[in-house]
Amino acid sequence: MLRSLLAAGFVAAVLAAIPAAIAQPYGSYQETCRRVHQRGPILFAYCLNREGRWAETSLDLRTCLSREVANRNGRLICPGGRGLRSY
């Protein structure tokens, strides 16, 4: 009984995590950014810049024309249309 409950809890946790992973935008930023997470429409990450340093950056996805995101010199950008709120 306890094993069944634990197994069911594990399956529920895995299934709950799937939509969050699917919702994350695609793009080349995934190759040069780490600690990527999304809070509402804002995507946060640490991305490599030209000097090889990690830069903290964020992007309001509502300003993107598509769901594609890229890293430009340590800043998250919308290559399909400029993000107006990239910090």
PDB file of N, CA and C in Angstrom:
ATOM      1  N   MET A   1       0.817  -1.198   0.000  1.00  0.00           N
ATOM      2  CA  MET A   1       0.000   0.000   0.000  1.00  0.00           C
ATOM      3  C   MET A   1       0.859   1.260   0.000  1.00  0.00           C
ATOM      4  N   LEU A   2       1.857   1.295   0.895  1.00  0.00           N
ATOM      5  CA  LEU A   2       2.739   2.453   0.985  1.00  0.00           C
ATOM      6  C   LEU A   2       3.534   2.630  -0.305  1.00  0.00           C
ATOM      7  N   ARG A   3       3.990   1.510  -0.883  1.00  0.00           N
ATOM      8  CA  ARG A   3       4.720   1.590  -2.152  1.00  0.00           C
ATOM      9  C   ARG A   3       3.841   2.152  -3.257  1.00  0.00           C
ATOM     10  N   SER A   4       2.596   1.739  -3.288  1.00  0.00           N
ATOM     11  CA  SER A   4       1.669   2.245  -4.302  1.00  0.00           C
ATOM     12  C   SER A   4       1.462   3.742  -4.153  1.00  0.00           C
ATOM     13  N   LEU A   5       1.315   4.214  -2.925  1.00  0.00           N
ATOM     14  CA  LEU A   5       1.147   5.642  -2.681  1.00  0.00           C
ATOM     15  C   LEU A   5       2.391   6.425  -3.076  1.00  0.00           C
ATOM     16  N   LEU A   6       3.562   5.900  -2.747  1.00  0.00           N
ATOM     17  CA  LEU A   6       4.809   6.562  -3.116  1.00  0.00           C
ATOM     18  C   LEU A   6       4.978   6.612  -4.630  1.00  0.00           C
ATOM     19  N   ALA A   7       4.670   5.511  -5.293  1.00  0.00           N
ATOM     20  CA  ALA A   7       4.782   5.456  -6.749  1.00  0.00           C
ATOM     21  C   ALA A   7       3.805   6.437  -7.397  1.00  0.00           C
ATOM     22  N   ALA A   8       2.590   6.483  -6.896  1.00  0.00           N
ATOM     23  CA  ALA A   8       1.596   7.413  -7.436  1.00  0.00           C
ATOM     24  C   ALA A   8       2.037   8.853  -7.224  1.00  0.00           C
ATOM     25  N   GLY A   9       2.606   9.147  -6.076  1.00  0.00           N
ATOM     26  CA  GLY A   9       3.104  10.497  -5.799  1.00  0.00           C
ATOM     27  C   GLY A   9       4.242  10.874  -6.721  1.00  0.00           C
ATOM     28  N   PHE A  10       5.133   9.933  -6.992  1.00  0.00           N
ATOM     29  CA  PHE A  10       6.248  10.183  -7.894  1.00  0.00           C
ATOM     30  C   PHE A  10       5.742  10.461  -9.309  1.00  0.00           C
ATOM     31  N   VAL A  11       4.829   9.649  -9.798  1.00  0.00           N
ATOM     32  CA  VAL A  11       4.268   9.834 -11.134  1.00  0.00           C
ATOM     33  C   VAL A  11       3.567  11.191 -11.228  1.00  0.00           C
ATOM     34  N   ALA A  12       2.808  11.564 -10.211  1.00  0.00           N
ATOM     35  CA  ALA A  12       2.115  12.850 -10.213  1.00  0.00           C
ATOM     36  C   ALA A  12       3.108  14.002 -10.256  1.00  0.00           C
ATOM     37  N   ALA A  13       4.214  13.889  -9.523  1.00  0.00           N
ATOM     38  CA  ALA A  13       5.226  14.946  -9.515  1.00  0.00           C
ATOM     39  C   ALA A  13       5.887  15.081 -10.884  1.00  0.00           C
ATOM     40  N   VAL A  14       6.180  13.959 -11.513  1.00  0.00           N
ATOM     41  CA  VAL A  14       6.791  13.998 -12.843  1.00  0.00           C
ATOM     42  C   VAL A  14       5.838  14.608 -13.853  1.00  0.00           C
ATOM     43  N   LEU A  15       4.601  14.200 -13.833  1.00  0.00           N
ATOM     44  CA  LEU A  15       3.618  14.739 -14.770  1.00  0.00           C
ATOM     45  C   LEU A  15       3.360  16.226 -14.532  1.00  0.00           C
ATOM     46  N   ALA A  16       3.411  16.671 -13.301  1.00  0.00           N
ATOM     47  CA  ALA A  16       3.216  18.088 -12.997  1.00  0.00           C
ATOM     48  C   ALA A  16       4.361  18.929 -13.541  1.00  0.00           C
ATOM     49  N   ALA A  17       5.550  18.367 -13.638  1.00  0.00           N
ATOM     50  CA  ALA A  17       6.711  19.111 -14.122  1.00  0.00           C
ATOM     51  C   ALA A  17       6.735  19.226 -15.641  1.00  0.00           C
ATOM     52  N   ILE A  18       6.068  18.366 -16.341  1.00  0.00           N
ATOM     53  CA  ILE A  18       6.112  18.358 -17.801  1.00  0.00           C
ATOM     54  C   ILE A  18       5.574  19.639 -18.420  1.00  0.00           C
ATOM     55  N   PRO A  19       4.420  20.174 -18.050  1.00  0.00           N
ATOM     56  CA  PRO A  19       3.937  21.402 -18.685  1.00  0.00           C
ATOM     57  C   PRO A  19       4.910  22.570 -18.540  1.00  0.00           C
ATOM     58  N   ALA A  20       5.594  22.709 -17.415  1.00  0.00           N
ATOM     59  CA  ALA A  20       6.546  23.794 -17.229  1.00  0.00           C
ATOM     60  C   ALA A  20       7.699  23.668 -18.218  1.00  0.00           C
ATOM     61  N   ALA A  21       8.162  22.455 -18.444  1.00  0.00           N
ATOM     62  CA  ALA A  21       9.260  22.256 -19.381  1.00  0.00           C
ATOM     63  C   ALA A  21       8.818  22.541 -20.807  1.00  0.00           C
ATOM     64  N   ILE A  22       7.614  22.158 -21.151  1.00  0.00           N
ATOM     65  CA  ILE A  22       7.103  22.382 -22.497  1.00  0.00           C
ATOM     66  C   ILE A  22       6.868  23.864 -22.754  1.00  0.00           C
ATOM     67  N   ALA A  23       6.446  24.606 -21.754  1.00  0.00           N
ATOM     68  CA  ALA A  23       6.096  26.006 -21.918  1.00  0.00           C
ATOM     69  C   ALA A  23       7.314  26.894 -22.150  1.00  0.00           C
ATOM     70  N   GLN A  24       8.507  26.433 -21.781  1.00  0.00           N
ATOM     71  CA  GLN A  24       9.700  27.256 -21.939  1.00  0.00           C
ATOM     72  C   GLN A  24       9.971  27.487 -23.422  1.00  0.00           C
ATOM     73  N   PRO A  25      10.291  28.726 -23.797  1.00  0.00           N
ATOM     74  CA  PRO A  25      10.507  29.025 -25.216  1.00  0.00           C
ATOM     75  C   PRO A  25      11.729  28.303 -25.770  1.00  0.00           C
ATOM     76  N   TYR A  26      11.705  28.053 -27.071  1.00  0.00           N
ATOM     77  CA  TYR A  26      12.823  27.394 -27.716  1.00  0.00           C
ATOM     78  C   TYR A  26      13.799  28.456 -28.225  1.00  0.00           C
ATOM     79  N   GLY A  27      14.967  28.023 -28.616  1.00  0.00           N
ATOM     80  CA  GLY A  27      15.935  28.934 -29.203  1.00  0.00           C
ATOM     81  C   GLY A  27      17.365  28.586 -28.830  1.00  0.00           C
ATOM     82  N   SER A  28      18.286  29.271 -29.455  1.00  0.00           N
ATOM     83  CA  SER A  28      19.710  28.999 -29.267  1.00  0.00           C
ATOM     84  C   SER A  28      20.217  29.398 -27.893  1.00  0.00           C
ATOM     85  N   TYR A  29      19.484  30.208 -27.145  1.00  0.00           N
ATOM     86  CA  TYR A  29      19.905  30.619 -25.802  1.00  0.00           C
ATOM     87  C   TYR A  29      20.150  29.411 -24.894  1.00  0.00           C
ATOM     88  N   GLN A  30      19.492  28.301 -25.172  1.00  0.00           N
ATOM     89  CA  GLN A  30      19.625  27.106 -24.340  1.00  0.00           C
ATOM     90  C   GLN A  30      21.043  26.547 -24.356  1.00  0.00           C
ATOM     91  N   GLU A  31      21.821  26.886 -25.385  1.00  0.00           N
ATOM     92  CA  GLU A  31      23.192  26.392 -25.502  1.00  0.00           C
ATOM     93  C   GLU A  31      24.175  27.230 -24.686  1.00  0.00           C
ATOM     94  N   THR A  32      23.856  28.492 -24.405  1.00  0.00           N
ATOM     95  CA  THR A  32      24.811  29.393 -23.749  1.00  0.00           C
ATOM     96  C   THR A  32      24.250  30.048 -22.492  1.00  0.00           C
ATOM     97  N   CYS A  33      23.116  29.583 -22.016  1.00  0.00           N
ATOM     98  CA  CYS A  33      22.517  30.137 -20.804  1.00  0.00           C
ATOM     99  C   CYS A  33      22.271  29.019 -19.794  1.00  0.00           C
ATOM    100  N   ARG A  34      22.302  29.368 -18.523  1.00  0.00           N
ATOM    101  CA  ARG A  34      22.057  28.396 -17.451  1.00  0.00           C
ATOM    102  C   ARG A  34      21.119  29.016 -16.433  1.00  0.00           C
ATOM    103  N   ARG A  35      20.689  28.195 -15.489  1.00  0.00           N
ATOM    104  CA  ARG A  35      19.755  28.628 -14.445  1.00  0.00           C
ATOM    105  C   ARG A  35      18.550  29.358 -15.063  1.00  0.00           C
ATOM    106  N   VAL A  36      18.038  28.772 -16.117  1.00  0.00           N
ATOM    107  CA  VAL A  36      16.899  29.346 -16.843  1.00  0.00           C
ATOM    108  C   VAL A  36      15.614  28.998 -16.107  1.00  0.00           C
ATOM    109  N   HIS A  37      14.797  30.008 -15.873  1.00  0.00           N
ATOM    110  CA  HIS A  37      13.483  29.767 -15.298  1.00  0.00           C
ATOM    111  C   HIS A  37      12.538  30.871 -15.752  1.00  0.00           C
ATOM    112  N   GLN A  38      11.279  30.584 -15.633  1.00  0.00           N
ATOM    113  CA  GLN A  38      10.256  31.513 -16.091  1.00  0.00           C
ATOM    114  C   GLN A  38       9.292  31.796 -14.954  1.00  0.00           C
ATOM    115  N   ARG A  39       8.990  33.062 -14.770  1.00  0.00           N
ATOM    116  CA  ARG A  39       7.996  33.482 -13.782  1.00  0.00           C
ATOM    117  C   ARG A  39       6.958  34.308 -14.542  1.00  0.00           C
ATOM    118  N   GLY A  40       5.805  33.704 -14.777  1.00  0.00           N
ATOM    119  CA  GLY A  40       4.804  34.371 -15.612  1.00  0.00           C
ATOM    120  C   GLY A  40       5.368  34.540 -17.011  1.00  0.00           C
ATOM    121  N   PRO A  41       5.233  35.736 -17.593  1.00  0.00           N
ATOM    122  CA  PRO A  41       5.743  35.963 -18.947  1.00  0.00           C
ATOM    123  C   PRO A  41       7.224  36.344 -19.001  1.00  0.00           C
ATOM    124  N   ILE A  42       7.898  36.389 -17.843  1.00  0.00           N
ATOM    125  CA  ILE A  42       9.292  36.820 -17.799  1.00  0.00           C
ATOM    126  C   ILE A  42      10.220  35.613 -17.746  1.00  0.00           C
ATOM    127  N   LEU A  43      11.182  35.571 -18.668  1.00  0.00           N
ATOM    128  CA  LEU A  43      12.186  34.520 -18.717  1.00  0.00           C
ATOM    129  C   LEU A  43      13.466  35.060 -18.083  1.00  0.00           C
ATOM    130  N   PHE A  44      14.026  34.333 -17.129  1.00  0.00           N
ATOM    131  CA  PHE A  44      15.245  34.726 -16.419  1.00  0.00           C
ATOM    132  C   PHE A  44      16.338  33.719 -16.734  1.00  0.00           C
ATOM    133  N   ALA A  45      17.591  34.195 -16.802  1.00  0.00           N
ATOM    134  CA  ALA A  45      18.719  33.292 -17.046  1.00  0.00           C
ATOM    135  C   ALA A  45      20.033  33.993 -16.747  1.00  0.00           C
ATOM    136  N   TYR A  46      21.079  33.193 -16.667  1.00  0.00           N
ATOM    137  CA  TYR A  46      22.457  33.677 -16.657  1.00  0.00           C
ATOM    138  C   TYR A  46      23.038  33.222 -17.988  1.00  0.00           C
ATOM    139  N   CYS A  47      23.502  34.176 -18.811  1.00  0.00           N
ATOM    140  CA  CYS A  47      23.981  33.851 -20.147  1.00  0.00           C
ATOM    141  C   CYS A  47      25.424  34.308 -20.326  1.00  0.00           C
ATOM    142  N   LEU A  48      26.169  33.558 -21.120  1.00  0.00           N
ATOM    143  CA  LEU A  48      27.557  33.910 -21.402  1.00  0.00           C
ATOM    144  C   LEU A  48      27.629  35.133 -22.307  1.00  0.00           C
ATOM    145  N   ASN A  49      28.565  36.053 -21.969  1.00  0.00           N
ATOM    146  CA  ASN A  49      28.804  37.188 -22.852  1.00  0.00           C
ATOM    147  C   ASN A  49      30.106  36.959 -23.614  1.00  0.00           C
ATOM    148  N   ARG A  50      30.528  37.935 -24.423  1.00  0.00           N
ATOM    149  CA  ARG A  50      31.726  37.777 -25.260  1.00  0.00           C
ATOM    150  C   ARG A  50      32.994  37.552 -24.446  1.00  0.00           C
ATOM    151  N   GLU A  51      33.020  38.082 -23.223  1.00  0.00           N
ATOM    152  CA  GLU A  51      34.194  37.918 -22.365  1.00  0.00           C
ATOM    153  C   GLU A  51      34.220  36.563 -21.656  1.00  0.00           C
ATOM    154  N   GLY A  52      33.189  35.748 -21.883  1.00  0.00           N
ATOM    155  CA  GLY A  52      33.117  34.443 -21.247  1.00  0.00           C
ATOM    156  C   GLY A  52      32.591  34.497 -19.822  1.00  0.00           C
ATOM    157  N   ARG A  53      31.974  35.608 -19.456  1.00  0.00           N
ATOM    158  CA  ARG A  53      31.409  35.769 -18.117  1.00  0.00           C
ATOM    159  C   ARG A  53      29.904  35.535 -18.161  1.00  0.00           C
ATOM    160  N   TRP A  54      29.370  35.101 -17.019  1.00  0.00           N
ATOM    161  CA  TRP A  54      27.935  34.871 -16.896  1.00  0.00           C
ATOM    162  C   TRP A  54      27.263  36.192 -16.526  1.00  0.00           C
ATOM    163  N   ALA A  55      26.268  36.575 -17.289  1.00  0.00           N
ATOM    164  CA  ALA A  55      25.533  37.811 -17.044  1.00  0.00           C
ATOM    165  C   ALA A  55      24.080  37.475 -16.718  1.00  0.00           C
ATOM    166  N   GLU A  56      23.562  38.085 -15.665  1.00  0.00           N
ATOM    167  CA  GLU A  56      22.160  37.894 -15.306  1.00  0.00           C
ATOM    168  C   GLU A  56      21.304  38.704 -16.274  1.00  0.00           C
ATOM    169  N   THR A  57      20.274  38.085 -16.799  1.00  0.00           N
ATOM    170  CA  THR A  57      19.433  38.750 -17.784  1.00  0.00           C
ATOM    171  C   THR A  57      18.001  38.251 -17.676  1.00  0.00           C
ATOM    172  N   SER A  58      17.076  39.019 -18.218  1.00  0.00           N
ATOM    173  CA  SER A  58      15.670  38.600 -18.261  1.00  0.00           C
ATOM    174  C   SER A  58      15.014  39.203 -19.492  1.00  0.00           C
ATOM    175  N   LEU A  59      13.892  38.623 -19.872  1.00  0.00           N
ATOM    176  CA  LEU A  59      13.183  39.072 -21.061  1.00  0.00           C
ATOM    177  C   LEU A  59      11.689  38.886 -20.863  1.00  0.00           C
ATOM    178  N   ASP A  60      10.931  39.924 -21.140  1.00  0.00           N
ATOM    179  CA  ASP A  60       9.474  39.852 -21.099  1.00  0.00           C
ATOM    180  C   ASP A  60       9.011  39.237 -22.414  1.00  0.00           C
ATOM    181  N   LEU A  61       8.545  38.001 -22.362  1.00  0.00           N
ATOM    182  CA  LEU A  61       8.164  37.277 -23.577  1.00  0.00           C
ATOM    183  C   LEU A  61       6.965  37.889 -24.292  1.00  0.00           C
ATOM    184  N   ARG A  62       6.213  38.734 -23.607  1.00  0.00           N
ATOM    185  CA  ARG A  62       5.072  39.394 -24.256  1.00  0.00           C
ATOM    186  C   ARG A  62       5.524  40.365 -25.330  1.00  0.00           C
ATOM    187  N   THR A  63       6.798  40.756 -25.305  1.00  0.00           N
ATOM    188  CA  THR A  63       7.305  41.699 -26.297  1.00  0.00           C
ATOM    189  C   THR A  63       7.878  40.999 -27.525  1.00  0.00           C
ATOM    190  N   CYS A  64       7.881  39.671 -27.535  1.00  0.00           N
ATOM    191  CA  CYS A  64       8.440  38.906 -28.653  1.00  0.00           C
ATOM    192  C   CYS A  64       7.364  38.615 -29.699  1.00  0.00           C
ATOM    193  N   LEU A  65       7.757  38.703 -30.948  1.00  0.00           N
ATOM    194  CA  LEU A  65       6.831  38.363 -32.024  1.00  0.00           C
ATOM    195  C   LEU A  65       6.656  36.859 -32.161  1.00  0.00           C
ATOM    196  N   SER A  66       7.666  36.096 -31.727  1.00  0.00           N
ATOM    197  CA  SER A  66       7.569  34.633 -31.739  1.00  0.00           C
ATOM    198  C   SER A  66       8.032  34.129 -30.381  1.00  0.00           C
ATOM    199  N   ARG A  67       7.985  32.821 -30.176  1.00  0.00           N
ATOM    200  CA  ARG A  67       8.441  32.235 -28.900  1.00  0.00           C
ATOM    201  C   ARG A  67       9.913  31.853 -28.970  1.00  0.00           C
ATOM    202  N   GLU A  68      10.632  32.297 -29.997  1.00  0.00           N
ATOM    203  CA  GLU A  68      12.053  31.992 -30.116  1.00  0.00           C
ATOM    204  C   GLU A  68      12.871  33.019 -29.335  1.00  0.00           C
ATOM    205  N   VAL A  69      13.897  32.529 -28.621  1.00  0.00           N
ATOM    206  CA  VAL A  69      14.750  33.389 -27.812  1.00  0.00           C
ATOM    207  C   VAL A  69      16.210  33.058 -28.112  1.00  0.00           C
ATOM    208  N   ALA A  70      17.068  34.080 -28.077  1.00  0.00           N
ATOM    209  CA  ALA A  70      18.500  33.891 -28.315  1.00  0.00           C
ATOM    210  C   ALA A  70      19.295  34.679 -27.277  1.00  0.00           C
ATOM    211  N   ASN A  71      20.575  34.350 -27.177  1.00  0.00           N
ATOM    212  CA  ASN A  71      21.506  35.069 -26.308  1.00  0.00           C
ATOM    213  C   ASN A  71      22.386  35.938 -27.198  1.00  0.00           C
ATOM    214  N   ARG A  72      22.364  37.235 -26.957  1.00  0.00           N
ATOM    215  CA  ARG A  72      23.257  38.148 -27.674  1.00  0.00           C
ATOM    216  C   ARG A  72      24.138  38.835 -26.641  1.00  0.00           C
ATOM    217  N   ASN A  73      25.381  38.412 -26.571  1.00  0.00           N
ATOM    218  CA  ASN A  73      26.369  39.001 -25.670  1.00  0.00           C
ATOM    219  C   ASN A  73      25.878  39.058 -24.220  1.00  0.00           C
ATOM    220  N   GLY A  74      25.276  37.971 -23.753  1.00  0.00           N
ATOM    221  CA  GLY A  74      24.845  37.904 -22.364  1.00  0.00           C
ATOM    222  C   GLY A  74      23.471  38.477 -22.093  1.00  0.00           C
ATOM    223  N   ARG A  75      22.719  38.798 -23.147  1.00  0.00           N
ATOM    224  CA  ARG A  75      21.363  39.325 -22.987  1.00  0.00           C
ATOM    225  C   ARG A  75      20.380  38.473 -23.769  1.00  0.00           C
ATOM    226  N   LEU A  76      19.256  38.174 -23.156  1.00  0.00           N
ATOM    227  CA  LEU A  76      18.200  37.446 -23.857  1.00  0.00           C
ATOM    228  C   LEU A  76      17.516  38.397 -24.825  1.00  0.00           C
ATOM    229  N   ILE A  77      17.324  37.941 -26.054  1.00  0.00           N
ATOM    230  CA  ILE A  77      16.659  38.752 -27.077  1.00  0.00           C
ATOM    231  C   ILE A  77      15.653  37.904 -27.843  1.00  0.00           C
ATOM    232  N   CYS A  78      14.788  38.572 -28.578  1.00  0.00           N
ATOM    233  CA  CYS A  78      13.829  37.923 -29.474  1.00  0.00           C
ATOM    234  C   CYS A  78      14.344  38.100 -30.902  1.00  0.00           C
ATOM    235  N   PRO A  79      14.933  37.070 -31.516  1.00  0.00           N
ATOM    236  CA  PRO A  79      15.463  37.244 -32.866  1.00  0.00           C
ATOM    237  C   PRO A  79      14.388  37.482 -33.923  1.00  0.00           C
ATOM    238  N   GLY A  80      13.165  37.036 -33.672  1.00  0.00           N
ATOM    239  CA  GLY A  80      12.083  37.226 -34.626  1.00  0.00           C
ATOM    240  C   GLY A  80      11.400  38.580 -34.505  1.00  0.00           C
ATOM    241  N   GLY A  81      11.779  39.357 -33.546  1.00  0.00           N
ATOM    242  CA  GLY A  81      11.198  40.660 -33.272  1.00  0.00           C
ATOM    243  C   GLY A  81      11.731  41.137 -31.948  1.00  0.00           C
ATOM    244  N   ARG A  82      12.186  42.344 -31.902  1.00  0.00           N
ATOM    245  CA  ARG A  82      12.905  42.840 -30.740  1.00  0.00           C
ATOM    246  C   ARG A  82      12.051  42.886 -29.477  1.00  0.00           C
ATOM    247  N   GLY A  83      12.595  42.372 -28.391  1.00  0.00           N
ATOM    248  CA  GLY A  83      11.967  42.468 -27.098  1.00  0.00           C
ATOM    249  C   GLY A  83      12.220  43.840 -26.517  1.00  0.00           C
ATOM    250  N   LEU A  84      11.196  44.534 -26.165  1.00  0.00           N
ATOM    251  CA  LEU A  84      11.339  45.893 -25.679  1.00  0.00           C
ATOM    252  C   LEU A  84      11.757  45.971 -24.218  1.00  0.00           C
ATOM    253  N   ARG A  85      11.577  44.894 -23.480  1.00  0.00           N
ATOM    254  CA  ARG A  85      11.896  44.912 -22.049  1.00  0.00           C
ATOM    255  C   ARG A  85      13.000  43.917 -21.711  1.00  0.00           C
ATOM    256  N   SER A  86      14.087  43.959 -22.426  1.00  0.00           N
ATOM    257  CA  SER A  86      15.214  43.089 -22.103  1.00  0.00           C
ATOM    258  C   SER A  86      16.135  43.839 -21.171  1.00  0.00           C
ATOM    259  N   TYR A  87      16.442  43.249 -20.010  1.00  0.00           N
ATOM    260  CA  TYR A  87      17.299  43.927 -19.046  1.00  0.00           C
ATOM    261  C   TYR A  87      18.550  43.120 -18.862  1.00  0.00           C
TER     262      TYR A  87
END
